[in-house]
Amino acid sequence: MASALVELIRRDIIAGEFLPGTKLRIKVLAERYDAGPIPIREALSRLSAVGLIDAHEQRGFWVAPISAAELNELLALRKNLEYEALKESVAHGNYEWEAQLLAAHHRLVHHSAAAGIQGKDPTVVGPEWDKAHKAFHIALLAGCKSRWQMRFINTLSDQMNRYRHLSIHGGYSHQRDIDGEHKDLLEAALARDVDRACLLLDEHLTRTVEFALLALSKRGDL
């Protein structure tokens, strides 16, 4: 029960359903997720361990705040970890890795077409595109065999996705060929061009953060 609750609450925090600094009231969450207070508390405690929730003894739980400094720190850490993972993945990924990467990209393109965002920025596209997007990035790095490295990357990715979702809630949009960026990443990885793949990944992640910072700053959220 607690594991399912962790995933549900994690998903809703990342999607911006709970805004930064919001107090998470056990009774309200128990009703929302149709669960008892003890599993809710356990789930919140587990999410505090990955930085999505702030837990204060005797005072309860709050959604973690956001800041420009934190987002830039997340970006720097994610780049460092993903560069090394991508280098290993491109260098050592086998035929199975290539097949899984192609399949993940195909699914991502399918969901982009279904959402009508091919060649555009995916401002609000729903959970299916989000799931396919995350799966593509995981497949890109799947040739990396360090379990801990991938675990840390996943945590950083969740944190950055929270900022991305919060940045689009106000309807702010921008011109960006996100499908083109993913296609270029795919081709560089399959061509085993490590330098180009790392450069494209750098640009891809940096662009996401720049747009998020701009949107959140314009709304006065940072």
N, C-alpha and C. Protein backbone atom coordinates (compact mmCIF):
# COMPACT_ATOMS: atom_id res chain seq x y z
N MET A 1 0.83 -1.21 0.00
CA MET A 1 0.00 0.00 0.00
C MET A 1 0.86 1.26 0.00
N ALA A 2 1.88 1.28 0.87
CA ALA A 2 2.73 2.47 0.97
C ALA A 2 3.47 2.74 -0.33
N SER A 3 3.96 1.67 -1.00
CA SER A 3 4.69 1.86 -2.26
C SER A 3 3.79 2.47 -3.33
N ALA A 4 2.55 2.02 -3.40
CA ALA A 4 1.61 2.59 -4.37
C ALA A 4 1.32 4.04 -4.04
N LEU A 5 1.19 4.35 -2.76
CA LEU A 5 0.94 5.73 -2.34
C LEU A 5 2.13 6.62 -2.66
N VAL A 6 3.33 6.11 -2.43
CA VAL A 6 4.54 6.87 -2.75
C VAL A 6 4.51 7.28 -4.21
N GLU A 7 4.19 6.33 -5.09
CA GLU A 7 4.17 6.62 -6.52
C GLU A 7 3.09 7.63 -6.88
N LEU A 8 1.91 7.49 -6.30
CA LEU A 8 0.81 8.42 -6.60
C LEU A 8 1.13 9.84 -6.14
N ILE A 9 1.62 9.97 -4.91
CA ILE A 9 1.92 11.30 -4.38
C ILE A 9 3.12 11.90 -5.10
N ARG A 10 4.14 11.07 -5.36
CA ARG A 10 5.30 11.53 -6.12
C ARG A 10 4.88 12.08 -7.47
N ARG A 11 4.03 11.33 -8.18
CA ARG A 11 3.54 11.76 -9.49
C ARG A 11 2.82 13.09 -9.40
N ASP A 12 1.97 13.26 -8.40
CA ASP A 12 1.19 14.49 -8.27
C ASP A 12 2.06 15.68 -7.89
N ILE A 13 3.08 15.46 -7.07
CA ILE A 13 3.99 16.57 -6.73
C ILE A 13 4.78 16.99 -7.96
N ILE A 14 5.31 16.02 -8.70
CA ILE A 14 6.08 16.34 -9.91
C ILE A 14 5.20 17.03 -10.94
N ALA A 15 3.94 16.62 -11.04
CA ALA A 15 3.02 17.23 -12.00
C ALA A 15 2.54 18.61 -11.57
N GLY A 16 2.91 19.05 -10.37
CA GLY A 16 2.51 20.37 -9.91
C GLY A 16 1.13 20.42 -9.30
N GLU A 17 0.56 19.25 -8.98
CA GLU A 17 -0.76 19.23 -8.34
C GLU A 17 -0.70 19.85 -6.94
N PHE A 18 0.44 19.71 -6.29
CA PHE A 18 0.68 20.34 -4.99
C PHE A 18 1.79 21.37 -5.19
N LEU A 19 1.49 22.63 -4.93
CA LEU A 19 2.45 23.69 -5.18
C LEU A 19 3.53 23.73 -4.11
N PRO A 20 4.71 24.27 -4.45
CA PRO A 20 5.80 24.37 -3.47
C PRO A 20 5.35 25.12 -2.22
N GLY A 21 5.75 24.61 -1.07
CA GLY A 21 5.41 25.25 0.20
C GLY A 21 4.05 24.88 0.75
N THR A 22 3.29 24.06 0.02
CA THR A 22 1.96 23.66 0.49
C THR A 22 2.07 22.68 1.66
N LYS A 23 1.29 22.93 2.71
CA LYS A 23 1.26 21.98 3.82
C LYS A 23 0.42 20.78 3.40
N LEU A 24 0.96 19.60 3.61
CA LEU A 24 0.28 18.37 3.24
C LEU A 24 -0.43 17.80 4.46
N ARG A 25 -1.74 17.96 4.48
CA ARG A 25 -2.53 17.54 5.64
C ARG A 25 -2.93 16.07 5.49
N ILE A 26 -2.63 15.30 6.52
CA ILE A 26 -2.83 13.86 6.47
C ILE A 26 -4.28 13.50 6.17
N LYS A 27 -5.22 14.18 6.82
CA LYS A 27 -6.64 13.86 6.63
C LYS A 27 -7.07 14.11 5.19
N VAL A 28 -6.64 15.23 4.63
CA VAL A 28 -7.00 15.57 3.24
C VAL A 28 -6.41 14.54 2.28
N LEU A 29 -5.15 14.17 2.49
CA LEU A 29 -4.51 13.19 1.62
C LEU A 29 -5.15 11.81 1.76
N ALA A 30 -5.54 11.46 2.98
CA ALA A 30 -6.18 10.16 3.20
C ALA A 30 -7.48 10.06 2.40
N GLU A 31 -8.22 11.16 2.34
CA GLU A 31 -9.46 11.18 1.56
C GLU A 31 -9.17 11.16 0.06
N ARG A 32 -8.17 11.93 -0.34
CA ARG A 32 -7.83 12.02 -1.76
C ARG A 32 -7.38 10.66 -2.32
N TYR A 33 -6.57 9.96 -1.55
CA TYR A 33 -5.99 8.70 -2.04
C TYR A 33 -6.67 7.46 -1.46
N ASP A 34 -7.75 7.68 -0.72
CA ASP A 34 -8.52 6.57 -0.15
C ASP A 34 -7.61 5.62 0.63
N ALA A 35 -6.90 6.20 1.59
CA ALA A 35 -5.94 5.43 2.38
C ALA A 35 -6.00 5.87 3.84
N GLY A 36 -5.45 5.06 4.71
CA GLY A 36 -5.41 5.40 6.12
C GLY A 36 -4.27 6.36 6.44
N PRO A 37 -4.30 6.99 7.59
CA PRO A 37 -3.28 7.98 7.96
C PRO A 37 -1.88 7.39 8.12
N ILE A 38 -1.78 6.15 8.58
CA ILE A 38 -0.45 5.56 8.79
C ILE A 38 0.28 5.33 7.46
N PRO A 39 -0.37 4.71 6.44
CA PRO A 39 0.31 4.59 5.14
C PRO A 39 0.63 5.94 4.51
N ILE A 40 -0.23 6.94 4.72
CA ILE A 40 0.03 8.28 4.18
C ILE A 40 1.30 8.85 4.81
N ARG A 41 1.42 8.75 6.13
CA ARG A 41 2.61 9.26 6.81
C ARG A 41 3.88 8.54 6.34
N GLU A 42 3.77 7.25 6.17
CA GLU A 42 4.93 6.48 5.70
C GLU A 42 5.35 6.92 4.30
N ALA A 43 4.36 7.13 3.42
CA ALA A 43 4.66 7.57 2.06
C ALA A 43 5.32 8.95 2.06
N LEU A 44 4.81 9.86 2.87
CA LEU A 44 5.38 11.21 2.94
C LEU A 44 6.80 11.17 3.48
N SER A 45 7.04 10.33 4.46
CA SER A 45 8.39 10.19 5.02
C SER A 45 9.36 9.69 3.96
N ARG A 46 8.91 8.74 3.15
CA ARG A 46 9.78 8.21 2.09
C ARG A 46 10.06 9.25 1.02
N LEU A 47 9.08 10.09 0.71
CA LEU A 47 9.28 11.14 -0.28
C LEU A 47 10.16 12.27 0.25
N SER A 48 10.18 12.44 1.56
CA SER A 48 11.07 13.45 2.13
C SER A 48 12.53 13.03 1.96
N ALA A 49 12.77 11.72 1.88
CA ALA A 49 14.13 11.21 1.72
C ALA A 49 14.71 11.53 0.34
N VAL A 50 13.86 11.80 -0.65
CA VAL A 50 14.34 12.14 -1.99
C VAL A 50 14.16 13.62 -2.30
N GLY A 51 13.80 14.41 -1.29
CA GLY A 51 13.79 15.86 -1.45
C GLY A 51 12.54 16.48 -2.04
N LEU A 52 11.48 15.69 -2.24
CA LEU A 52 10.25 16.26 -2.78
C LEU A 52 9.37 16.86 -1.68
N ILE A 53 9.60 16.43 -0.46
CA ILE A 53 8.82 16.88 0.69
C ILE A 53 9.76 17.27 1.82
N ASP A 54 9.41 18.34 2.53
CA ASP A 54 10.12 18.72 3.76
C ASP A 54 9.33 18.21 4.95
N ALA A 55 9.99 17.45 5.81
CA ALA A 55 9.34 16.92 7.01
C ALA A 55 9.88 17.66 8.23
N HIS A 56 8.96 18.17 9.06
CA HIS A 56 9.34 18.89 10.28
C HIS A 56 8.75 18.15 11.48
N GLU A 57 9.61 17.73 12.37
CA GLU A 57 9.16 16.97 13.53
C GLU A 57 8.12 17.75 14.32
N GLN A 58 7.03 17.10 14.63
CA GLN A 58 5.92 17.67 15.39
C GLN A 58 5.10 18.71 14.61
N ARG A 59 5.54 19.08 13.43
CA ARG A 59 4.83 20.11 12.67
C ARG A 59 4.21 19.60 11.38
N GLY A 60 4.67 18.47 10.89
CA GLY A 60 4.05 17.90 9.71
C GLY A 60 4.92 17.94 8.47
N PHE A 61 4.25 17.90 7.30
CA PHE A 61 4.93 17.77 6.01
C PHE A 61 4.53 18.92 5.09
N TRP A 62 5.51 19.41 4.33
CA TRP A 62 5.28 20.45 3.33
C TRP A 62 5.91 20.03 2.01
N VAL A 63 5.30 20.47 0.91
CA VAL A 63 5.94 20.29 -0.40
C VAL A 63 7.21 21.13 -0.41
N ALA A 64 8.30 20.57 -0.87
CA ALA A 64 9.58 21.26 -0.87
C ALA A 64 9.50 22.55 -1.69
N PRO A 65 10.15 23.62 -1.23
CA PRO A 65 10.15 24.88 -1.97
C PRO A 65 11.02 24.77 -3.23
N ILE A 66 10.95 25.77 -4.08
CA ILE A 66 11.79 25.81 -5.28
C ILE A 66 12.60 27.10 -5.28
N SER A 67 13.70 27.09 -6.03
CA SER A 67 14.51 28.29 -6.18
C SER A 67 15.35 28.16 -7.44
N ALA A 68 15.76 29.30 -8.00
CA ALA A 68 16.62 29.29 -9.18
C ALA A 68 17.95 28.63 -8.86
N ALA A 69 18.47 28.91 -7.66
CA ALA A 69 19.76 28.33 -7.27
C ALA A 69 19.68 26.81 -7.23
N GLU A 70 18.58 26.29 -6.69
CA GLU A 70 18.44 24.83 -6.61
C GLU A 70 18.34 24.22 -8.01
N LEU A 71 17.56 24.84 -8.89
CA LEU A 71 17.40 24.28 -10.24
C LEU A 71 18.73 24.26 -10.98
N ASN A 72 19.52 25.32 -10.84
CA ASN A 72 20.83 25.35 -11.48
C ASN A 72 21.76 24.29 -10.89
N GLU A 73 21.64 24.06 -9.59
CA GLU A 73 22.44 23.01 -8.96
C GLU A 73 22.02 21.63 -9.46
N LEU A 74 20.71 21.41 -9.57
CA LEU A 74 20.21 20.14 -10.11
C LEU A 74 20.73 19.90 -11.53
N LEU A 75 20.73 20.96 -12.33
CA LEU A 75 21.21 20.85 -13.71
C LEU A 75 22.68 20.45 -13.75
N ALA A 76 23.50 21.12 -12.93
CA ALA A 76 24.94 20.82 -12.93
C ALA A 76 25.20 19.38 -12.49
N LEU A 77 24.51 18.94 -11.46
CA LEU A 77 24.69 17.57 -10.98
C LEU A 77 24.22 16.55 -12.01
N ARG A 78 23.07 16.84 -12.63
CA ARG A 78 22.54 15.89 -13.61
C ARG A 78 23.46 15.79 -14.82
N LYS A 79 24.00 16.92 -15.27
CA LYS A 79 24.93 16.88 -16.40
C LYS A 79 26.13 16.01 -16.08
N ASN A 80 26.73 16.23 -14.91
CA ASN A 80 27.92 15.46 -14.54
C ASN A 80 27.64 13.96 -14.56
N LEU A 81 26.52 13.56 -13.98
CA LEU A 81 26.19 12.13 -13.92
C LEU A 81 25.78 11.57 -15.27
N GLU A 82 25.00 12.34 -16.03
CA GLU A 82 24.50 11.81 -17.31
C GLU A 82 25.57 11.77 -18.38
N TYR A 83 26.53 12.71 -18.34
CA TYR A 83 27.62 12.65 -19.32
C TYR A 83 28.35 11.31 -19.21
N GLU A 84 28.72 10.95 -17.98
CA GLU A 84 29.46 9.71 -17.78
C GLU A 84 28.61 8.49 -18.13
N ALA A 85 27.33 8.54 -17.76
CA ALA A 85 26.43 7.43 -18.09
C ALA A 85 26.25 7.31 -19.60
N LEU A 86 26.12 8.45 -20.28
CA LEU A 86 25.93 8.43 -21.73
C LEU A 86 27.18 7.91 -22.44
N LYS A 87 28.35 8.34 -21.96
CA LYS A 87 29.60 7.86 -22.56
C LYS A 87 29.69 6.34 -22.46
N GLU A 88 29.39 5.80 -21.29
CA GLU A 88 29.45 4.35 -21.10
C GLU A 88 28.38 3.66 -21.94
N SER A 89 27.21 4.25 -21.99
CA SER A 89 26.10 3.65 -22.73
C SER A 89 26.41 3.57 -24.22
N VAL A 90 26.92 4.67 -24.77
CA VAL A 90 27.24 4.72 -26.20
C VAL A 90 28.41 3.79 -26.52
N ALA A 91 29.38 3.74 -25.62
CA ALA A 91 30.58 2.93 -25.87
C ALA A 91 30.30 1.44 -25.77
N HIS A 92 29.42 1.05 -24.85
CA HIS A 92 29.25 -0.37 -24.56
C HIS A 92 27.85 -0.92 -24.86
N GLY A 93 26.92 -0.07 -25.25
CA GLY A 93 25.58 -0.55 -25.56
C GLY A 93 25.60 -1.55 -26.71
N ASN A 94 24.87 -2.65 -26.55
CA ASN A 94 24.88 -3.70 -27.57
C ASN A 94 23.65 -3.59 -28.49
N TYR A 95 23.44 -4.64 -29.28
CA TYR A 95 22.30 -4.65 -30.20
C TYR A 95 20.98 -4.49 -29.46
N GLU A 96 20.87 -5.15 -28.30
CA GLU A 96 19.65 -5.07 -27.51
C GLU A 96 19.41 -3.64 -27.04
N TRP A 97 20.47 -2.95 -26.64
CA TRP A 97 20.36 -1.54 -26.24
C TRP A 97 19.87 -0.70 -27.40
N GLU A 98 20.43 -0.91 -28.58
CA GLU A 98 20.00 -0.15 -29.76
C GLU A 98 18.52 -0.38 -30.04
N ALA A 99 18.09 -1.64 -29.97
CA ALA A 99 16.69 -1.97 -30.26
C ALA A 99 15.75 -1.31 -29.25
N GLN A 100 16.13 -1.34 -27.98
CA GLN A 100 15.28 -0.73 -26.95
C GLN A 100 15.24 0.79 -27.08
N LEU A 101 16.37 1.38 -27.46
CA LEU A 101 16.41 2.83 -27.66
C LEU A 101 15.54 3.24 -28.84
N LEU A 102 15.63 2.51 -29.93
CA LEU A 102 14.78 2.79 -31.10
C LEU A 102 13.30 2.64 -30.75
N ALA A 103 12.97 1.61 -29.99
CA ALA A 103 11.57 1.39 -29.60
C ALA A 103 11.07 2.51 -28.71
N ALA A 104 11.92 2.96 -27.77
CA ALA A 104 11.53 4.05 -26.87
C ALA A 104 11.32 5.34 -27.65
N HIS A 105 12.19 5.59 -28.64
CA HIS A 105 12.03 6.79 -29.45
C HIS A 105 10.77 6.70 -30.30
N HIS A 106 10.49 5.53 -30.83
CA HIS A 106 9.27 5.34 -31.64
C HIS A 106 8.02 5.64 -30.81
N ARG A 107 8.00 5.15 -29.57
CA ARG A 107 6.85 5.43 -28.70
C ARG A 107 6.73 6.92 -28.39
N LEU A 108 7.86 7.58 -28.19
CA LEU A 108 7.84 9.01 -27.91
C LEU A 108 7.29 9.79 -29.10
N VAL A 109 7.74 9.45 -30.30
CA VAL A 109 7.23 10.10 -31.51
C VAL A 109 5.73 9.85 -31.66
N HIS A 110 5.30 8.63 -31.36
CA HIS A 110 3.88 8.29 -31.44
C HIS A 110 3.06 9.19 -30.51
N HIS A 111 3.51 9.36 -29.28
CA HIS A 111 2.76 10.17 -28.32
C HIS A 111 2.83 11.66 -28.67
N SER A 112 3.93 12.09 -29.29
CA SER A 112 4.00 13.47 -29.76
C SER A 112 2.97 13.71 -30.85
N ALA A 113 2.86 12.75 -31.78
CA ALA A 113 1.88 12.88 -32.86
C ALA A 113 0.46 12.85 -32.31
N ALA A 114 0.22 11.95 -31.36
CA ALA A 114 -1.12 11.83 -30.77
C ALA A 114 -1.53 13.11 -30.06
N ALA A 115 -0.55 13.79 -29.46
CA ALA A 115 -0.84 15.03 -28.74
C ALA A 115 -0.81 16.25 -29.65
N GLY A 116 -0.43 16.04 -30.93
CA GLY A 116 -0.40 17.14 -31.88
C GLY A 116 0.71 18.14 -31.64
N ILE A 117 1.87 17.65 -31.15
CA ILE A 117 2.95 18.59 -30.81
C ILE A 117 4.21 18.35 -31.62
N GLN A 118 4.14 17.58 -32.70
CA GLN A 118 5.35 17.31 -33.47
C GLN A 118 5.96 18.63 -33.95
N GLY A 119 7.26 18.79 -33.68
CA GLY A 119 7.95 20.01 -34.08
C GLY A 119 7.69 21.19 -33.19
N LYS A 120 7.00 20.99 -32.07
CA LYS A 120 6.67 22.09 -31.17
C LYS A 120 7.12 21.75 -29.76
N ASP A 121 7.00 22.75 -28.88
CA ASP A 121 7.26 22.51 -27.47
C ASP A 121 6.05 21.82 -26.85
N PRO A 122 6.27 20.73 -26.08
CA PRO A 122 5.14 20.03 -25.45
C PRO A 122 4.67 20.73 -24.19
N THR A 123 3.92 21.82 -24.34
CA THR A 123 3.56 22.63 -23.18
C THR A 123 2.73 21.85 -22.17
N VAL A 124 1.61 21.32 -22.57
CA VAL A 124 0.81 20.49 -21.67
C VAL A 124 0.35 19.28 -22.47
N VAL A 125 0.95 18.14 -22.22
CA VAL A 125 0.68 16.99 -23.08
C VAL A 125 0.13 15.79 -22.33
N GLY A 126 0.12 15.82 -21.04
CA GLY A 126 -0.46 14.72 -20.29
C GLY A 126 0.55 13.65 -19.90
N PRO A 127 0.11 12.71 -19.09
CA PRO A 127 1.01 11.72 -18.50
C PRO A 127 1.60 10.72 -19.49
N GLU A 128 0.91 10.43 -20.59
CA GLU A 128 1.43 9.43 -21.52
C GLU A 128 2.69 9.93 -22.22
N TRP A 129 2.67 11.20 -22.64
CA TRP A 129 3.89 11.76 -23.24
C TRP A 129 5.00 11.83 -22.21
N ASP A 130 4.67 12.26 -21.01
CA ASP A 130 5.66 12.33 -19.93
C ASP A 130 6.33 10.98 -19.70
N LYS A 131 5.51 9.94 -19.67
CA LYS A 131 6.02 8.59 -19.42
C LYS A 131 6.95 8.16 -20.57
N ALA A 132 6.53 8.43 -21.80
CA ALA A 132 7.35 8.07 -22.96
C ALA A 132 8.64 8.88 -23.00
N HIS A 133 8.56 10.13 -22.60
CA HIS A 133 9.74 11.00 -22.57
C HIS A 133 10.77 10.49 -21.57
N LYS A 134 10.30 10.16 -20.38
CA LYS A 134 11.21 9.63 -19.36
C LYS A 134 11.81 8.30 -19.81
N ALA A 135 10.99 7.45 -20.43
CA ALA A 135 11.47 6.14 -20.90
C ALA A 135 12.56 6.29 -21.96
N PHE A 136 12.43 7.30 -22.83
CA PHE A 136 13.45 7.53 -23.85
C PHE A 136 14.79 7.89 -23.22
N HIS A 137 14.74 8.80 -22.25
CA HIS A 137 15.99 9.22 -21.60
C HIS A 137 16.61 8.07 -20.81
N ILE A 138 15.79 7.23 -20.20
CA ILE A 138 16.31 6.06 -19.49
C ILE A 138 16.95 5.09 -20.49
N ALA A 139 16.29 4.87 -21.62
CA ALA A 139 16.82 3.96 -22.65
C ALA A 139 18.15 4.48 -23.20
N LEU A 140 18.26 5.79 -23.33
CA LEU A 140 19.48 6.39 -23.85
C LEU A 140 20.68 6.04 -22.97
N LEU A 141 20.45 5.97 -21.67
CA LEU A 141 21.53 5.72 -20.71
C LEU A 141 21.60 4.27 -20.24
N ALA A 142 20.76 3.41 -20.81
CA ALA A 142 20.61 2.04 -20.28
C ALA A 142 21.87 1.19 -20.44
N GLY A 143 22.80 1.62 -21.28
CA GLY A 143 24.06 0.88 -21.42
C GLY A 143 24.99 1.10 -20.24
N CYS A 144 24.67 2.07 -19.39
CA CYS A 144 25.44 2.31 -18.16
C CYS A 144 25.04 1.26 -17.13
N LYS A 145 26.01 0.61 -16.54
CA LYS A 145 25.72 -0.52 -15.65
C LYS A 145 25.77 -0.15 -14.17
N SER A 146 25.99 1.13 -13.87
CA SER A 146 26.04 1.53 -12.46
C SER A 146 24.62 1.77 -11.93
N ARG A 147 24.18 0.89 -11.05
CA ARG A 147 22.83 1.00 -10.49
C ARG A 147 22.68 2.28 -9.68
N TRP A 148 23.70 2.62 -8.90
CA TRP A 148 23.64 3.82 -8.07
C TRP A 148 23.63 5.08 -8.91
N GLN A 149 24.43 5.10 -9.96
CA GLN A 149 24.46 6.26 -10.84
C GLN A 149 23.09 6.50 -11.47
N MET A 150 22.46 5.45 -11.94
CA MET A 150 21.15 5.58 -12.55
C MET A 150 20.09 5.98 -11.52
N ARG A 151 20.25 5.51 -10.30
CA ARG A 151 19.30 5.87 -9.24
C ARG A 151 19.38 7.38 -8.95
N PHE A 152 20.60 7.90 -8.86
CA PHE A 152 20.76 9.33 -8.60
C PHE A 152 20.24 10.16 -9.78
N ILE A 153 20.51 9.70 -11.00
CA ILE A 153 20.01 10.40 -12.19
C ILE A 153 18.49 10.45 -12.18
N ASN A 154 17.86 9.36 -11.81
CA ASN A 154 16.40 9.31 -11.76
C ASN A 154 15.85 10.31 -10.74
N THR A 155 16.50 10.41 -9.59
CA THR A 155 16.07 11.37 -8.56
C THR A 155 16.20 12.80 -9.07
N LEU A 156 17.33 13.12 -9.70
CA LEU A 156 17.54 14.46 -10.24
C LEU A 156 16.54 14.76 -11.36
N SER A 157 16.26 13.76 -12.18
CA SER A 157 15.30 13.93 -13.27
C SER A 157 13.92 14.26 -12.73
N ASP A 158 13.49 13.57 -11.67
CA ASP A 158 12.19 13.85 -11.06
C ASP A 158 12.14 15.29 -10.54
N GLN A 159 13.20 15.72 -9.88
CA GLN A 159 13.24 17.08 -9.34
C GLN A 159 13.16 18.11 -10.46
N MET A 160 13.90 17.90 -11.55
CA MET A 160 13.87 18.86 -12.65
C MET A 160 12.52 18.83 -13.37
N ASN A 161 11.91 17.66 -13.46
CA ASN A 161 10.59 17.58 -14.09
C ASN A 161 9.54 18.35 -13.29
N ARG A 162 9.71 18.40 -11.98
CA ARG A 162 8.79 19.19 -11.16
C ARG A 162 8.86 20.66 -11.56
N TYR A 163 10.07 21.17 -11.73
CA TYR A 163 10.22 22.56 -12.16
C TYR A 163 9.61 22.77 -13.55
N ARG A 164 9.82 21.81 -14.45
CA ARG A 164 9.27 21.95 -15.81
C ARG A 164 7.75 22.01 -15.77
N HIS A 165 7.13 21.12 -14.99
CA HIS A 165 5.67 21.13 -14.90
C HIS A 165 5.16 22.42 -14.26
N LEU A 166 5.82 22.87 -13.22
CA LEU A 166 5.40 24.12 -12.57
C LEU A 166 5.52 25.30 -13.53
N SER A 167 6.53 25.27 -14.40
CA SER A 167 6.76 26.39 -15.31
C SER A 167 5.69 26.50 -16.38
N ILE A 168 4.99 25.40 -16.70
CA ILE A 168 3.99 25.45 -17.77
C ILE A 168 2.58 25.62 -17.24
N HIS A 169 2.40 25.64 -15.93
CA HIS A 169 1.05 25.75 -15.38
C HIS A 169 0.39 27.08 -15.68
N GLY A 170 1.18 28.11 -15.89
CA GLY A 170 0.59 29.41 -16.17
C GLY A 170 0.29 29.65 -17.63
N GLY A 171 0.50 28.61 -18.46
CA GLY A 171 0.21 28.75 -19.88
C GLY A 171 1.34 29.37 -20.67
N TYR A 172 2.51 29.58 -20.04
CA TYR A 172 3.65 30.15 -20.75
C TYR A 172 4.19 29.13 -21.75
N SER A 173 4.43 29.55 -22.96
CA SER A 173 4.94 28.63 -23.98
C SER A 173 6.10 29.27 -24.73
N HIS A 174 6.83 28.46 -25.49
CA HIS A 174 7.96 28.96 -26.25
C HIS A 174 8.16 28.07 -27.46
N GLN A 175 8.91 28.58 -28.42
CA GLN A 175 9.17 27.82 -29.64
C GLN A 175 10.35 26.88 -29.40
N ARG A 176 10.10 25.60 -29.62
CA ARG A 176 11.16 24.62 -29.41
C ARG A 176 10.82 23.34 -30.15
N ASP A 177 11.75 22.86 -30.94
CA ASP A 177 11.53 21.60 -31.67
C ASP A 177 12.03 20.45 -30.80
N ILE A 178 11.23 20.06 -29.82
CA ILE A 178 11.64 19.02 -28.88
C ILE A 178 11.81 17.68 -29.58
N ASP A 179 10.98 17.39 -30.58
CA ASP A 179 11.12 16.13 -31.32
C ASP A 179 12.44 16.08 -32.07
N GLY A 180 12.81 17.23 -32.64
CA GLY A 180 14.08 17.31 -33.36
C GLY A 180 15.27 17.08 -32.43
N GLU A 181 15.18 17.61 -31.23
CA GLU A 181 16.25 17.41 -30.25
C GLU A 181 16.40 15.94 -29.90
N HIS A 182 15.29 15.26 -29.69
CA HIS A 182 15.35 13.84 -29.35
C HIS A 182 15.86 13.01 -30.54
N LYS A 183 15.46 13.37 -31.74
CA LYS A 183 15.92 12.64 -32.93
C LYS A 183 17.43 12.79 -33.10
N ASP A 184 17.93 14.00 -32.89
CA ASP A 184 19.38 14.23 -33.00
C ASP A 184 20.15 13.42 -31.95
N LEU A 185 19.60 13.38 -30.73
CA LEU A 185 20.23 12.59 -29.66
C LEU A 185 20.27 11.11 -30.04
N LEU A 186 19.15 10.62 -30.54
CA LEU A 186 19.07 9.22 -30.96
C LEU A 186 20.12 8.90 -32.01
N GLU A 187 20.20 9.73 -33.04
CA GLU A 187 21.12 9.47 -34.15
C GLU A 187 22.57 9.52 -33.71
N ALA A 188 22.91 10.48 -32.84
CA ALA A 188 24.29 10.57 -32.35
C ALA A 188 24.65 9.34 -31.52
N ALA A 189 23.72 8.89 -30.69
CA ALA A 189 23.98 7.72 -29.85
C ALA A 189 24.16 6.47 -30.70
N LEU A 190 23.29 6.27 -31.68
CA LEU A 190 23.37 5.08 -32.52
C LEU A 190 24.62 5.10 -33.41
N ALA A 191 25.08 6.31 -33.76
CA ALA A 191 26.30 6.45 -34.56
C ALA A 191 27.56 6.31 -33.70
N ARG A 192 27.37 6.14 -32.39
CA ARG A 192 28.46 6.01 -31.42
C ARG A 192 29.35 7.25 -31.40
N ASP A 193 28.74 8.40 -31.68
CA ASP A 193 29.44 9.68 -31.65
C ASP A 193 29.29 10.27 -30.25
N VAL A 194 30.20 9.89 -29.35
CA VAL A 194 30.09 10.27 -27.95
C VAL A 194 30.12 11.77 -27.76
N ASP A 195 31.07 12.44 -28.42
CA ASP A 195 31.21 13.89 -28.23
C ASP A 195 29.95 14.63 -28.66
N ARG A 196 29.41 14.27 -29.82
CA ARG A 196 28.20 14.94 -30.30
C ARG A 196 27.01 14.61 -29.39
N ALA A 197 26.90 13.38 -28.97
CA ALA A 197 25.79 12.99 -28.10
C ALA A 197 25.83 13.78 -26.79
N CYS A 198 27.01 13.94 -26.21
CA CYS A 198 27.14 14.70 -24.95
C CYS A 198 26.83 16.17 -25.17
N LEU A 199 27.27 16.73 -26.30
CA LEU A 199 26.98 18.12 -26.61
C LEU A 199 25.48 18.33 -26.77
N LEU A 200 24.82 17.43 -27.48
CA LEU A 200 23.37 17.55 -27.68
C LEU A 200 22.61 17.39 -26.37
N LEU A 201 23.07 16.48 -25.51
CA LEU A 201 22.43 16.31 -24.21
C LEU A 201 22.59 17.56 -23.37
N ASP A 202 23.78 18.16 -23.41
CA ASP A 202 24.03 19.41 -22.68
C ASP A 202 23.06 20.49 -23.13
N GLU A 203 22.93 20.66 -24.43
CA GLU A 203 22.03 21.69 -24.98
C GLU A 203 20.58 21.40 -24.62
N HIS A 204 20.20 20.14 -24.68
CA HIS A 204 18.83 19.72 -24.39
C HIS A 204 18.45 20.03 -22.94
N LEU A 205 19.30 19.65 -22.01
CA LEU A 205 19.01 19.89 -20.59
C LEU A 205 19.08 21.37 -20.26
N THR A 206 20.07 22.06 -20.81
CA THR A 206 20.23 23.50 -20.54
C THR A 206 19.03 24.28 -21.04
N ARG A 207 18.56 23.94 -22.23
CA ARG A 207 17.41 24.64 -22.81
C ARG A 207 16.17 24.45 -21.94
N THR A 208 15.96 23.26 -21.45
CA THR A 208 14.82 22.99 -20.57
C THR A 208 14.86 23.86 -19.33
N VAL A 209 16.03 23.96 -18.72
CA VAL A 209 16.17 24.76 -17.50
C VAL A 209 16.02 26.24 -17.80
N GLU A 210 16.59 26.71 -18.89
CA GLU A 210 16.48 28.13 -19.23
C GLU A 210 15.02 28.54 -19.42
N PHE A 211 14.26 27.73 -20.12
CA PHE A 211 12.85 28.05 -20.34
C PHE A 211 12.06 27.99 -19.03
N ALA A 212 12.37 27.02 -18.18
CA ALA A 212 11.68 26.91 -16.89
C ALA A 212 11.97 28.12 -16.02
N LEU A 213 13.23 28.53 -15.96
CA LEU A 213 13.60 29.70 -15.15
C LEU A 213 12.92 30.96 -15.67
N LEU A 214 12.86 31.11 -16.98
CA LEU A 214 12.23 32.30 -17.57
C LEU A 214 10.75 32.34 -17.23
N ALA A 215 10.06 31.21 -17.40
CA ALA A 215 8.62 31.17 -17.13
C ALA A 215 8.32 31.39 -15.66
N LEU A 216 9.05 30.73 -14.78
CA LEU A 216 8.81 30.87 -13.34
C LEU A 216 9.15 32.27 -12.86
N SER A 217 10.19 32.87 -13.42
CA SER A 217 10.56 34.24 -13.04
C SER A 217 9.51 35.24 -13.50
N LYS A 218 8.99 35.06 -14.70
CA LYS A 218 7.96 35.97 -15.22
C LYS A 218 6.70 35.93 -14.38
N ARG A 219 6.40 34.76 -13.81
CA ARG A 219 5.22 34.63 -12.97
C ARG A 219 5.48 35.05 -11.53
N GLY A 220 6.74 35.34 -11.21
CA GLY A 220 7.08 35.73 -9.85
C GLY A 220 7.18 34.57 -8.88
N ASP A 221 7.39 33.36 -9.41
CA ASP A 221 7.48 32.18 -8.55
C ASP A 221 8.89 31.92 -8.05
N LEU A 222 9.87 32.66 -8.59
CA LEU A 222 11.26 32.50 -8.14
C LEU A 222 11.77 33.84 -7.62
